[in-house]
N, C-alpha and C. Protein backbone atom coordinates (compact mmCIF):
# COMPACT_ATOMS: atom_id res chain seq x y z
N SER A 1 1.04 -1.17 0.13
CA SER A 1 0.04 -0.15 -0.06
C SER A 1 0.78 1.17 0.14
N LEU A 2 0.55 2.36 -0.72
CA LEU A 2 1.17 3.49 -0.82
C LEU A 2 1.17 4.17 0.49
N ALA A 3 0.17 4.28 1.19
CA ALA A 3 0.16 4.80 2.45
C ALA A 3 1.27 4.38 3.57
N HIS A 4 1.79 3.20 3.20
CA HIS A 4 2.98 2.65 4.33
C HIS A 4 4.04 3.63 4.14
N HIS A 5 4.37 4.30 2.93
CA HIS A 5 5.53 5.04 2.90
C HIS A 5 5.22 6.53 3.10
N TYR A 6 6.18 6.88 4.16
CA TYR A 6 5.87 8.31 4.66
C TYR A 6 6.94 9.19 4.12
N GLY A 7 8.03 8.62 3.49
CA GLY A 7 8.93 9.40 2.84
C GLY A 7 8.57 9.44 1.34
N PRO A 8 9.46 10.28 0.48
CA PRO A 8 9.19 10.18 -1.04
C PRO A 8 8.81 8.91 -1.65
N ILE A 9 7.91 8.85 -2.39
CA ILE A 9 7.77 7.64 -3.05
C ILE A 9 8.91 6.95 -3.94
N THR A 10 9.02 5.93 -3.86
CA THR A 10 10.14 5.19 -4.59
C THR A 10 10.13 5.55 -6.21
N PRO A 11 11.30 5.87 -6.78
CA PRO A 11 11.07 6.03 -8.22
C PRO A 11 10.68 4.78 -8.96
N GLY A 12 9.68 4.83 -10.03
CA GLY A 12 9.36 3.64 -10.60
C GLY A 12 7.96 2.82 -10.01
N THR A 13 7.82 3.71 -8.79
CA THR A 13 6.38 3.01 -8.19
C THR A 13 5.13 3.45 -9.15
N VAL A 14 4.41 2.42 -9.53
CA VAL A 14 3.41 2.67 -10.31
C VAL A 14 2.06 3.07 -9.51
N LEU A 15 1.61 4.25 -9.79
CA LEU A 15 0.46 4.70 -9.28
C LEU A 15 -0.95 4.14 -9.87
N PRO A 16 -2.04 4.04 -9.16
CA PRO A 16 -3.25 3.46 -9.58
C PRO A 16 -3.68 4.56 -10.75
N GLU A 17 -4.22 3.95 -11.87
CA GLU A 17 -4.61 4.77 -13.06
C GLU A 17 -5.40 6.10 -12.67
N ASN A 18 -6.33 5.99 -11.68
CA ASN A 18 -6.97 7.03 -11.55
C ASN A 18 -6.70 7.85 -10.35
N TYR A 19 -5.40 7.72 -9.84
CA TYR A 19 -4.86 8.57 -8.65
C TYR A 19 -4.78 9.80 -8.89
N THR A 20 -5.33 10.72 -8.14
CA THR A 20 -5.12 12.20 -8.30
C THR A 20 -4.53 12.61 -6.95
N CYS A 21 -3.44 13.59 -7.28
CA CYS A 21 -2.80 14.25 -6.14
C CYS A 21 -3.47 15.01 -5.24
N TYR A 22 -3.51 14.68 -4.02
CA TYR A 22 -4.58 15.62 -3.12
C TYR A 22 -4.05 16.92 -3.11
N ARG A 23 -3.01 17.27 -3.17
CA ARG A 23 -2.50 18.92 -3.13
C ARG A 23 -2.98 19.70 -4.33
N CYS A 24 -2.57 19.33 -5.51
CA CYS A 24 -2.72 19.95 -6.76
C CYS A 24 -3.81 19.47 -7.61
N ARG A 25 -4.20 18.39 -7.37
CA ARG A 25 -5.38 17.89 -8.19
C ARG A 25 -5.02 17.35 -9.47
N ASN A 26 -3.78 17.08 -9.74
CA ASN A 26 -3.40 16.72 -11.07
C ASN A 26 -2.99 15.21 -11.04
N THR A 27 -2.87 14.60 -12.11
CA THR A 27 -2.52 13.01 -12.03
C THR A 27 -1.05 12.90 -12.52
N GLY A 28 -0.55 11.63 -12.21
CA GLY A 28 0.79 11.30 -12.76
C GLY A 28 1.94 11.32 -11.83
N HIS A 29 1.53 11.99 -10.40
CA HIS A 29 2.49 11.94 -9.29
C HIS A 29 1.76 11.60 -8.14
N HIS A 30 2.48 11.21 -7.05
CA HIS A 30 1.90 11.01 -5.49
C HIS A 30 2.13 12.49 -4.89
N ILE A 31 1.17 12.43 -3.93
CA ILE A 31 1.27 13.84 -2.99
C ILE A 31 2.50 14.12 -2.60
N ARG A 32 3.37 13.00 -2.07
CA ARG A 32 4.75 13.23 -1.60
C ARG A 32 5.58 13.78 -2.65
N ASN A 33 5.43 13.65 -3.78
CA ASN A 33 6.24 13.96 -4.91
C ASN A 33 5.68 15.18 -5.74
N CYS A 34 4.69 15.89 -5.18
CA CYS A 34 4.07 16.82 -5.86
C CYS A 34 4.97 18.06 -6.08
N PRO A 35 5.06 18.75 -7.12
CA PRO A 35 5.91 19.87 -7.49
C PRO A 35 5.62 21.06 -6.71
N MET A 36 4.29 21.01 -6.18
CA MET A 36 4.11 22.32 -5.51
C MET A 36 4.14 22.35 -4.01
N ASN A 37 4.94 21.04 -3.51
CA ASN A 37 5.06 20.96 -1.93
C ASN A 37 6.09 22.04 -1.55
N GLY A 38 6.96 22.51 -2.30
CA GLY A 38 7.77 23.48 -1.82
C GLY A 38 7.34 25.06 -1.89
N ASP A 39 6.17 25.12 -2.47
CA ASP A 39 5.67 26.48 -2.79
C ASP A 39 4.58 26.91 -1.61
N LYS A 40 5.11 27.61 -0.49
CA LYS A 40 4.18 28.12 0.58
C LYS A 40 3.01 28.87 0.04
N ASN A 41 3.14 29.54 -0.95
CA ASN A 41 2.03 30.45 -1.36
C ASN A 41 1.04 29.61 -2.22
N PHE A 42 1.32 28.46 -2.62
CA PHE A 42 0.33 27.81 -3.38
C PHE A 42 -0.94 27.25 -2.64
N GLN A 43 -2.12 27.54 -3.29
CA GLN A 43 -3.24 27.24 -2.80
C GLN A 43 -3.91 26.38 -3.78
N GLY A 44 -4.11 25.16 -3.40
CA GLY A 44 -4.71 24.04 -4.39
C GLY A 44 -6.21 24.41 -4.69
N PRO A 45 -6.70 23.64 -5.61
CA PRO A 45 -8.07 24.00 -6.01
C PRO A 45 -9.14 23.16 -5.02
N PRO A 46 -10.14 23.76 -4.53
CA PRO A 46 -11.10 23.16 -3.80
C PRO A 46 -11.14 21.62 -3.84
N LYS A 47 -11.28 20.98 -2.75
CA LYS A 47 -11.45 19.52 -2.75
C LYS A 47 -12.91 18.99 -3.39
N ILE A 48 -12.89 18.05 -4.08
CA ILE A 48 -13.97 17.51 -4.63
C ILE A 48 -14.44 16.11 -4.04
N ARG A 49 -15.56 16.04 -3.83
CA ARG A 49 -16.21 14.94 -3.09
C ARG A 49 -16.31 13.78 -3.94
N LYS A 50 -16.04 12.64 -3.46
CA LYS A 50 -16.31 11.52 -4.29
C LYS A 50 -17.89 11.10 -4.31
N SER A 51 -18.22 10.44 -5.62
CA SER A 51 -19.54 9.95 -5.61
C SER A 51 -19.92 8.73 -5.09
N THR A 52 -19.30 8.37 -4.00
CA THR A 52 -19.63 6.96 -3.37
C THR A 52 -20.82 6.97 -2.97
N GLY A 53 -21.42 5.83 -3.16
CA GLY A 53 -22.96 5.60 -2.84
C GLY A 53 -23.99 5.94 -3.64
N ILE A 54 -23.64 6.67 -4.64
CA ILE A 54 -24.52 7.09 -5.75
C ILE A 54 -24.25 6.19 -7.03
N PRO A 55 -25.28 5.46 -7.55
CA PRO A 55 -25.27 4.72 -8.63
C PRO A 55 -24.76 5.50 -9.85
N ASN A 56 -23.99 4.94 -10.76
CA ASN A 56 -23.63 5.56 -12.08
C ASN A 56 -24.88 5.94 -12.93
N SER A 57 -25.95 5.29 -12.77
CA SER A 57 -27.03 5.55 -13.51
C SER A 57 -27.81 6.76 -13.07
N LEU A 58 -27.40 7.37 -11.88
CA LEU A 58 -27.86 8.55 -11.54
C LEU A 58 -27.00 9.66 -11.69
N LEU A 59 -25.94 9.51 -12.34
CA LEU A 59 -24.96 10.70 -12.51
C LEU A 59 -24.84 11.02 -13.90
N VAL A 60 -24.63 12.20 -14.24
CA VAL A 60 -24.32 12.76 -15.47
C VAL A 60 -22.78 13.24 -15.72
N GLU A 61 -22.08 12.82 -16.59
CA GLU A 61 -20.78 13.24 -16.64
C GLU A 61 -20.48 14.68 -17.31
N VAL A 62 -19.79 15.40 -16.59
CA VAL A 62 -19.42 16.87 -17.06
C VAL A 62 -17.84 17.03 -17.21
N LYS A 63 -17.59 18.17 -17.98
CA LYS A 63 -16.09 18.37 -18.12
C LYS A 63 -15.58 19.31 -17.18
N ASP A 64 -16.35 20.29 -16.83
CA ASP A 64 -16.11 21.47 -15.93
C ASP A 64 -16.14 21.11 -14.47
N PRO A 65 -14.95 21.10 -13.84
CA PRO A 65 -14.92 20.84 -12.27
C PRO A 65 -15.34 21.89 -11.56
N SER A 66 -15.65 23.08 -12.17
CA SER A 66 -16.03 24.14 -11.22
C SER A 66 -17.69 24.14 -11.03
N ILE A 67 -18.35 23.28 -11.69
CA ILE A 67 -19.84 23.20 -11.58
C ILE A 67 -20.13 22.98 -10.21
N LYS A 68 -21.26 23.73 -9.73
CA LYS A 68 -21.69 23.37 -8.52
C LYS A 68 -22.13 22.02 -8.24
N GLY A 69 -21.81 21.47 -7.03
CA GLY A 69 -22.27 20.04 -6.78
C GLY A 69 -21.51 18.84 -7.63
N VAL A 70 -20.26 19.29 -8.25
CA VAL A 70 -19.72 18.33 -9.08
C VAL A 70 -18.97 17.45 -8.16
N MET A 71 -18.77 16.05 -8.47
CA MET A 71 -18.31 14.94 -7.68
C MET A 71 -17.17 14.33 -8.67
N LEU A 72 -16.45 13.55 -8.00
CA LEU A 72 -15.49 12.70 -8.87
C LEU A 72 -15.80 11.33 -8.72
N THR A 73 -16.09 10.60 -9.78
CA THR A 73 -16.28 9.29 -9.85
C THR A 73 -15.13 8.23 -9.63
N ASN A 74 -15.64 7.06 -9.40
CA ASN A 74 -14.36 6.06 -9.03
C ASN A 74 -13.59 5.90 -10.28
N CYS A 75 -13.78 6.37 -11.43
CA CYS A 75 -12.91 6.38 -12.75
C CYS A 75 -12.19 7.62 -12.74
N GLY A 76 -12.25 8.61 -11.94
CA GLY A 76 -11.53 9.78 -11.95
C GLY A 76 -12.08 10.85 -13.05
N ARG A 77 -13.41 10.71 -13.28
CA ARG A 77 -14.22 11.56 -13.96
C ARG A 77 -15.04 12.57 -13.20
N TYR A 78 -15.42 13.84 -13.81
CA TYR A 78 -16.40 14.71 -12.90
C TYR A 78 -17.78 14.26 -13.30
N ALA A 79 -18.65 14.44 -12.41
CA ALA A 79 -20.01 14.13 -12.70
C ALA A 79 -20.86 14.84 -11.65
N ILE A 80 -22.17 15.19 -11.90
CA ILE A 80 -23.23 15.71 -11.06
C ILE A 80 -24.29 14.80 -11.08
N PRO A 81 -24.99 14.87 -9.97
CA PRO A 81 -26.33 14.08 -9.91
C PRO A 81 -27.28 14.17 -11.13
N ALA A 82 -27.87 13.38 -11.67
CA ALA A 82 -28.74 13.50 -12.86
C ALA A 82 -29.90 14.42 -12.44
N ILE A 83 -30.28 14.50 -11.20
CA ILE A 83 -31.45 15.41 -10.75
C ILE A 83 -30.97 16.74 -10.78
N ASP A 84 -29.69 17.07 -10.60
CA ASP A 84 -29.27 18.35 -10.59
C ASP A 84 -29.08 19.00 -11.92
N ALA A 85 -28.97 18.02 -12.93
CA ALA A 85 -28.86 18.28 -14.32
C ALA A 85 -30.19 18.72 -14.82
N GLU A 86 -31.20 17.85 -14.39
CA GLU A 86 -32.59 17.99 -14.77
C GLU A 86 -33.15 19.35 -14.21
N ALA A 87 -32.80 19.52 -12.81
CA ALA A 87 -33.42 20.82 -12.26
C ALA A 87 -32.70 22.05 -13.05
N TYR A 88 -31.49 21.91 -13.53
CA TYR A 88 -30.98 23.11 -14.26
C TYR A 88 -31.78 23.36 -15.43
N ALA A 89 -32.15 22.08 -16.16
CA ALA A 89 -32.60 22.29 -17.52
C ALA A 89 -34.11 22.89 -17.27
N VAL A 90 -34.73 22.39 -16.20
CA VAL A 90 -36.01 22.84 -15.92
C VAL A 90 -36.11 24.35 -15.66
N GLY A 91 -35.16 24.76 -14.91
CA GLY A 91 -35.01 26.14 -14.53
C GLY A 91 -34.56 26.94 -15.80
N LYS A 92 -34.16 26.48 -16.76
CA LYS A 92 -33.81 27.24 -18.04
C LYS A 92 -34.84 27.39 -19.00
N LYS A 93 -35.93 26.63 -18.92
CA LYS A 93 -37.22 26.60 -19.72
C LYS A 93 -37.78 27.93 -19.38
N GLU A 94 -38.38 28.70 -20.44
CA GLU A 94 -39.30 29.70 -20.15
C GLU A 94 -40.76 29.30 -20.21
N LYS A 95 -41.31 29.88 -19.13
CA LYS A 95 -42.77 29.60 -18.99
C LYS A 95 -43.55 30.25 -20.00
N PRO A 96 -44.71 29.71 -20.54
CA PRO A 96 -45.65 30.36 -21.37
C PRO A 96 -46.11 31.51 -20.89
N PRO A 97 -46.36 32.71 -21.63
CA PRO A 97 -46.80 33.89 -21.08
C PRO A 97 -48.15 33.94 -20.30
N PHE A 98 -48.94 32.89 -20.83
CA PHE A 98 -50.24 33.10 -20.07
C PHE A 98 -50.30 32.34 -18.65
N ILE A 99 -49.18 31.88 -18.10
CA ILE A 99 -49.05 31.30 -16.94
C ILE A 99 -48.78 32.19 -15.92
N PRO A 100 -49.31 32.57 -14.95
CA PRO A 100 -48.86 33.45 -14.04
C PRO A 100 -47.55 33.18 -13.45
N LEU A 101 -46.55 34.07 -13.20
CA LEU A 101 -45.39 33.61 -12.48
C LEU A 101 -45.76 33.15 -10.89
N GLU A 102 -45.11 32.10 -10.52
CA GLU A 102 -45.34 31.48 -9.18
C GLU A 102 -44.26 32.11 -8.11
N GLN A 103 -44.75 32.42 -7.18
CA GLN A 103 -43.74 32.72 -5.98
C GLN A 103 -42.86 31.46 -5.64
N PRO A 104 -41.53 31.50 -5.55
CA PRO A 104 -40.87 30.40 -5.07
C PRO A 104 -41.21 29.82 -3.74
N LYS A 105 -41.34 28.71 -3.68
CA LYS A 105 -41.81 28.13 -2.35
C LYS A 105 -40.76 27.62 -1.60
N CYS A 106 -40.62 27.67 -0.30
CA CYS A 106 -39.58 26.95 0.54
C CYS A 106 -40.25 26.26 1.70
N GLU A 107 -39.36 25.06 1.86
CA GLU A 107 -40.10 24.23 3.01
C GLU A 107 -38.70 24.32 3.96
N SER A 108 -38.97 24.03 5.22
CA SER A 108 -37.80 23.84 6.21
C SER A 108 -38.35 22.72 7.15
N LYS A 109 -37.27 22.25 7.62
CA LYS A 109 -37.50 21.00 8.53
C LYS A 109 -37.08 21.56 9.93
N GLY A 110 -37.57 21.11 11.00
CA GLY A 110 -37.45 21.81 12.26
C GLY A 110 -36.07 21.03 12.83
N ASP A 111 -35.64 19.93 12.36
CA ASP A 111 -34.45 19.18 12.83
C ASP A 111 -33.43 19.38 11.92
N PRO A 112 -32.11 19.70 12.42
CA PRO A 112 -30.94 19.79 11.24
C PRO A 112 -30.48 18.43 11.22
N VAL A 113 -29.34 18.32 10.35
CA VAL A 113 -28.88 16.89 10.17
C VAL A 113 -28.11 16.59 11.31
N PRO A 114 -28.38 15.29 11.73
CA PRO A 114 -27.64 14.85 13.12
C PRO A 114 -26.15 14.99 12.88
N ALA A 115 -25.63 15.48 13.99
CA ALA A 115 -24.09 15.90 14.06
C ALA A 115 -23.35 14.66 13.80
N GLU A 116 -23.70 13.60 14.30
CA GLU A 116 -22.85 12.27 14.04
C GLU A 116 -22.82 11.93 12.63
N PHE A 117 -23.71 12.43 11.70
CA PHE A 117 -23.70 12.09 10.22
C PHE A 117 -22.79 12.90 9.46
N LEU A 118 -22.12 14.02 10.24
CA LEU A 118 -21.29 15.03 9.56
C LEU A 118 -19.89 14.71 9.65
N CYS A 119 -19.26 15.21 8.69
CA CYS A 119 -17.59 14.84 8.77
C CYS A 119 -17.09 16.05 9.78
N LEU A 120 -16.15 15.74 10.53
CA LEU A 120 -15.57 16.89 11.56
C LEU A 120 -14.76 17.97 10.63
N MET A 121 -14.52 17.57 9.51
CA MET A 121 -13.56 18.59 8.68
C MET A 121 -14.45 19.27 7.77
N CYS A 122 -14.93 18.55 6.82
CA CYS A 122 -15.80 19.41 5.78
C CYS A 122 -17.09 19.71 6.30
N ARG A 123 -17.69 19.14 7.43
CA ARG A 123 -19.05 19.51 7.83
C ARG A 123 -20.18 19.19 6.92
N ASP A 124 -19.95 18.21 6.01
CA ASP A 124 -20.90 17.63 5.17
C ASP A 124 -21.24 16.36 5.42
N LEU A 125 -22.23 15.78 4.87
CA LEU A 125 -22.50 14.44 4.99
C LEU A 125 -21.44 13.47 4.91
N LEU A 126 -21.15 12.50 5.93
CA LEU A 126 -20.02 11.73 5.63
C LEU A 126 -20.05 10.81 4.36
N GLY A 127 -18.60 11.02 3.81
CA GLY A 127 -18.61 10.03 2.43
C GLY A 127 -17.59 8.99 2.77
N ASP A 128 -17.93 7.70 2.55
CA ASP A 128 -16.90 6.65 2.98
C ASP A 128 -16.34 6.76 4.60
N ALA A 129 -17.27 6.85 5.50
CA ALA A 129 -16.93 7.16 6.84
C ALA A 129 -15.77 6.24 7.36
N VAL A 130 -14.85 6.81 8.02
CA VAL A 130 -13.94 5.93 8.68
C VAL A 130 -13.85 6.45 10.07
N VAL A 131 -13.08 5.72 10.98
CA VAL A 131 -12.90 6.08 12.60
C VAL A 131 -11.40 6.21 12.47
N ILE A 132 -11.01 7.20 13.20
CA ILE A 132 -9.46 7.27 13.34
C ILE A 132 -9.35 6.60 14.82
N PRO A 133 -8.21 5.67 14.95
CA PRO A 133 -8.18 5.04 16.18
C PRO A 133 -7.76 5.78 17.56
N CYS A 134 -7.05 6.75 17.26
CA CYS A 134 -6.47 7.50 18.56
C CYS A 134 -7.71 8.07 19.34
N CYS A 135 -8.68 8.58 18.85
CA CYS A 135 -9.75 9.30 19.67
C CYS A 135 -11.14 8.84 19.22
N GLY A 136 -11.35 7.83 18.25
CA GLY A 136 -12.61 7.41 17.81
C GLY A 136 -13.46 8.40 16.98
N SER A 137 -12.92 9.23 16.60
CA SER A 137 -13.74 10.43 15.68
C SER A 137 -13.92 9.90 14.24
N SER A 138 -15.00 10.18 13.82
CA SER A 138 -15.35 9.77 12.30
C SER A 138 -15.12 10.99 11.41
N TYR A 139 -14.58 10.66 10.02
CA TYR A 139 -14.41 11.58 9.17
C TYR A 139 -14.74 10.98 7.74
N CYS A 140 -14.80 11.85 6.71
CA CYS A 140 -14.94 11.22 5.33
C CYS A 140 -13.47 10.67 5.02
N ASP A 141 -13.52 9.33 4.47
CA ASP A 141 -12.14 8.82 4.17
C ASP A 141 -10.92 9.94 3.48
N ASP A 142 -11.73 10.52 2.41
CA ASP A 142 -10.83 11.39 1.87
C ASP A 142 -10.24 12.51 2.56
N CYS A 143 -11.13 13.14 3.48
CA CYS A 143 -10.74 14.38 4.39
C CYS A 143 -9.70 14.00 5.28
N ILE A 144 -9.73 12.73 6.08
CA ILE A 144 -8.81 12.53 7.23
C ILE A 144 -7.55 11.91 6.60
N ARG A 145 -7.64 11.20 5.32
CA ARG A 145 -6.66 10.84 4.60
C ARG A 145 -5.58 11.79 4.26
N SER A 146 -6.33 12.76 3.59
CA SER A 146 -5.63 13.92 2.96
C SER A 146 -4.75 14.64 3.97
N ALA A 147 -5.61 14.93 5.15
CA ALA A 147 -5.08 15.79 6.33
C ALA A 147 -3.86 15.07 6.97
N LEU A 148 -4.06 13.57 7.11
CA LEU A 148 -2.76 13.00 7.60
C LEU A 148 -1.82 13.06 6.73
N LEU A 149 -2.01 12.81 5.55
CA LEU A 149 -0.64 13.00 4.52
C LEU A 149 -0.25 14.20 4.34
N ASP A 150 -0.87 15.38 4.34
CA ASP A 150 -0.52 16.89 4.35
C ASP A 150 0.28 17.10 5.50
N SER A 151 -0.03 16.52 6.63
CA SER A 151 0.78 16.88 7.88
C SER A 151 2.06 16.13 7.93
N GLU A 152 3.03 16.98 8.34
CA GLU A 152 4.29 16.42 8.49
C GLU A 152 4.36 15.15 9.54
N ASP A 153 3.83 15.26 10.49
CA ASP A 153 3.92 14.30 11.51
C ASP A 153 2.69 13.60 11.70
N HIS A 154 1.66 13.76 10.57
CA HIS A 154 0.54 12.69 10.53
C HIS A 154 -0.42 12.94 11.82
N VAL A 155 -0.71 14.05 11.86
CA VAL A 155 -1.31 14.55 13.29
C VAL A 155 -3.03 14.56 13.16
N CYS A 156 -3.47 13.86 14.13
CA CYS A 156 -5.07 13.79 14.09
C CYS A 156 -5.54 15.30 14.37
N PRO A 157 -6.41 15.63 13.39
CA PRO A 157 -6.85 17.11 13.67
C PRO A 157 -7.74 17.33 14.91
N THR A 158 -8.35 16.13 15.42
CA THR A 158 -9.29 16.42 16.63
C THR A 158 -8.50 16.25 17.81
N CYS A 159 -7.63 15.33 18.11
CA CYS A 159 -7.15 15.11 19.44
C CYS A 159 -5.53 15.57 19.46
N GLY A 160 -5.03 15.67 18.32
CA GLY A 160 -3.54 16.06 18.18
C GLY A 160 -2.68 14.95 18.31
N GLN A 161 -2.96 13.79 18.25
CA GLN A 161 -2.10 12.80 18.44
C GLN A 161 -1.28 12.54 17.16
N SER A 162 0.12 12.54 17.21
CA SER A 162 0.80 12.26 16.07
C SER A 162 1.11 10.95 15.62
N ASP A 163 1.95 10.76 14.51
CA ASP A 163 2.22 9.53 13.89
C ASP A 163 1.00 8.70 13.75
N VAL A 164 0.09 9.13 13.37
CA VAL A 164 -1.27 8.26 12.98
C VAL A 164 -1.23 7.82 11.49
N SER A 165 -0.96 6.65 11.22
CA SER A 165 -0.92 6.08 9.88
C SER A 165 -2.25 6.02 9.27
N PRO A 166 -2.30 6.62 7.86
CA PRO A 166 -3.64 6.40 7.23
C PRO A 166 -4.16 4.74 7.17
N ASP A 167 -3.00 3.85 7.29
CA ASP A 167 -3.50 2.47 7.29
C ASP A 167 -4.08 2.09 8.44
N THR A 168 -4.19 2.73 9.53
CA THR A 168 -4.92 2.46 10.78
C THR A 168 -6.46 2.73 10.84
N LEU A 169 -6.78 3.75 9.80
CA LEU A 169 -8.06 3.97 9.69
C LEU A 169 -9.06 2.87 9.32
N VAL A 170 -10.23 2.88 10.17
CA VAL A 170 -11.07 1.86 10.03
C VAL A 170 -12.44 2.23 9.66
N ALA A 171 -12.90 1.36 8.50
CA ALA A 171 -14.31 1.65 8.08
C ALA A 171 -15.42 1.76 9.11
N ASN A 172 -16.17 2.78 9.09
CA ASN A 172 -17.40 2.79 9.81
C ASN A 172 -18.56 2.42 9.17
N ARG A 173 -18.92 1.21 9.13
CA ARG A 173 -19.84 0.45 8.30
C ARG A 173 -21.29 0.94 8.54
N PHE A 174 -21.46 1.20 9.85
CA PHE A 174 -22.83 1.70 10.27
C PHE A 174 -23.08 3.00 9.54
N LEU A 175 -22.27 3.98 9.93
CA LEU A 175 -22.42 5.27 9.37
C LEU A 175 -22.32 5.24 7.91
N ARG A 176 -21.69 4.39 7.32
CA ARG A 176 -21.57 4.49 5.72
C ARG A 176 -23.06 4.00 5.14
N GLN A 177 -23.57 3.01 5.99
CA GLN A 177 -24.81 2.58 5.17
C GLN A 177 -25.93 3.57 5.49
N VAL A 178 -25.76 4.30 6.71
CA VAL A 178 -26.67 5.28 6.87
C VAL A 178 -26.64 6.56 5.88
N CYS A 179 -25.38 6.90 5.68
CA CYS A 179 -25.13 8.09 4.86
C CYS A 179 -25.53 7.76 3.36
N VAL A 180 -25.12 6.51 2.95
CA VAL A 180 -25.58 5.96 1.62
C VAL A 180 -27.02 6.14 1.43
N MET A 181 -27.84 5.69 2.42
CA MET A 181 -29.27 5.53 2.34
C MET A 181 -29.86 6.99 2.35
N SER A 182 -29.22 8.02 3.14
CA SER A 182 -29.69 9.14 3.25
C SER A 182 -29.37 9.99 1.84
N ARG A 183 -28.51 9.83 1.18
CA ARG A 183 -27.90 10.32 -0.05
C ARG A 183 -29.20 9.90 -1.30
N LEU A 184 -29.37 8.69 -1.16
CA LEU A 184 -30.41 8.02 -2.15
C LEU A 184 -31.77 8.58 -1.89
N SER A 185 -32.04 8.62 -0.45
CA SER A 185 -33.41 9.32 -0.17
C SER A 185 -33.53 10.55 -0.64
N CYS A 186 -32.34 11.56 -0.51
CA CYS A 186 -32.34 12.86 -0.84
C CYS A 186 -32.62 12.78 -2.53
N ILE A 187 -32.01 12.15 -3.14
CA ILE A 187 -32.38 12.14 -4.70
C ILE A 187 -33.65 11.75 -4.97
N LEU A 188 -34.25 10.71 -4.30
CA LEU A 188 -35.57 10.35 -4.66
C LEU A 188 -36.60 11.60 -4.21
N PHE A 189 -36.32 12.03 -3.07
CA PHE A 189 -37.24 13.24 -2.52
C PHE A 189 -37.04 14.40 -3.50
N ILE A 190 -36.08 14.95 -3.98
CA ILE A 190 -36.00 15.97 -4.84
C ILE A 190 -36.66 15.62 -6.23
N ASP A 191 -36.52 14.27 -6.71
CA ASP A 191 -37.10 13.90 -7.91
C ASP A 191 -38.57 14.03 -7.92
N ILE A 192 -39.11 13.70 -6.53
CA ILE A 192 -40.61 13.79 -6.34
C ILE A 192 -41.02 15.44 -6.45
N LYS A 193 -40.13 15.91 -5.66
CA LYS A 193 -40.47 17.43 -5.50
C LYS A 193 -40.14 18.35 -6.83
N ILE A 194 -39.45 17.96 -7.73
CA ILE A 194 -39.00 18.82 -8.98
C ILE A 194 -40.43 19.21 -9.70
N ASN A 195 -41.23 18.39 -9.89
CA ASN A 195 -42.45 18.49 -10.51
C ASN A 195 -43.34 19.69 -9.95
N ARG A 196 -42.93 20.01 -8.71
CA ARG A 196 -43.72 20.88 -8.14
C ARG A 196 -42.78 22.23 -7.79
N GLN A 197 -41.70 22.15 -8.43
CA GLN A 197 -40.58 23.32 -8.36
C GLN A 197 -40.32 23.61 -6.96
N GLN A 198 -40.12 22.46 -6.03
CA GLN A 198 -39.82 22.58 -4.61
C GLN A 198 -38.62 21.81 -4.62
N LEU A 199 -37.39 22.56 -4.79
CA LEU A 199 -36.24 21.79 -4.62
C LEU A 199 -35.56 21.68 -3.30
N PHE A 200 -36.29 21.22 -2.21
CA PHE A 200 -35.74 21.17 -0.84
C PHE A 200 -35.41 19.81 -0.53
N CYS A 201 -34.25 19.72 0.06
CA CYS A 201 -33.77 18.17 0.58
C CYS A 201 -33.48 18.41 1.91
N TYR A 202 -33.69 17.57 2.89
CA TYR A 202 -33.38 17.39 4.31
C TYR A 202 -31.87 17.23 4.44
N PHE A 203 -31.16 16.62 3.63
CA PHE A 203 -29.67 16.35 3.72
C PHE A 203 -28.82 17.34 2.98
N CYS A 204 -29.48 18.24 2.25
CA CYS A 204 -28.68 19.06 1.43
C CYS A 204 -28.75 20.43 1.79
N PRO A 205 -27.80 21.23 2.06
CA PRO A 205 -27.59 22.60 2.37
C PRO A 205 -28.26 23.59 1.44
N SER A 206 -27.95 23.18 0.01
CA SER A 206 -28.64 24.17 -1.06
C SER A 206 -29.81 23.90 -1.40
């Protein structure tokens, strides 16, 4: 496993075909050999969430990584949920002049998303939830793995424990199942609401 090596990656090491450097978001090199490592002023592009838990049949591939809601598929391609693409298309259609303009409707739920379903780093619904062994906190796999690899001493962002190897992260299967079901429920809920032009979802902040 590449995560075993805390020093520079050995020359000739073959990276997975879809590996993307967590620092600069480019392919072809490991984060430890990123050409931007020595540039203190470098600000990498915003991190893009993976589409874990969403079937490919519910995704639409896009070319522009700056599109709102874009995700990274397991093939290393950019995509957005099909329902987002449909909502955009519906929003672009002009209404016939004889139909009065409707006031946008808003719905709200009384209860926020439970804190235990949120990543402690990105504050979004957990994706590929994992537990860090030092303090038992749960994070998105991408978030905590990036934080540990980016940290010189591999420090836990919650308790400050150093020398925490990414290899020691343990999958939180319960939270993974709950969050996957939540995302699927979100898509189905919006799909029903879109015909009423009410794009509210309990689990989506937008």
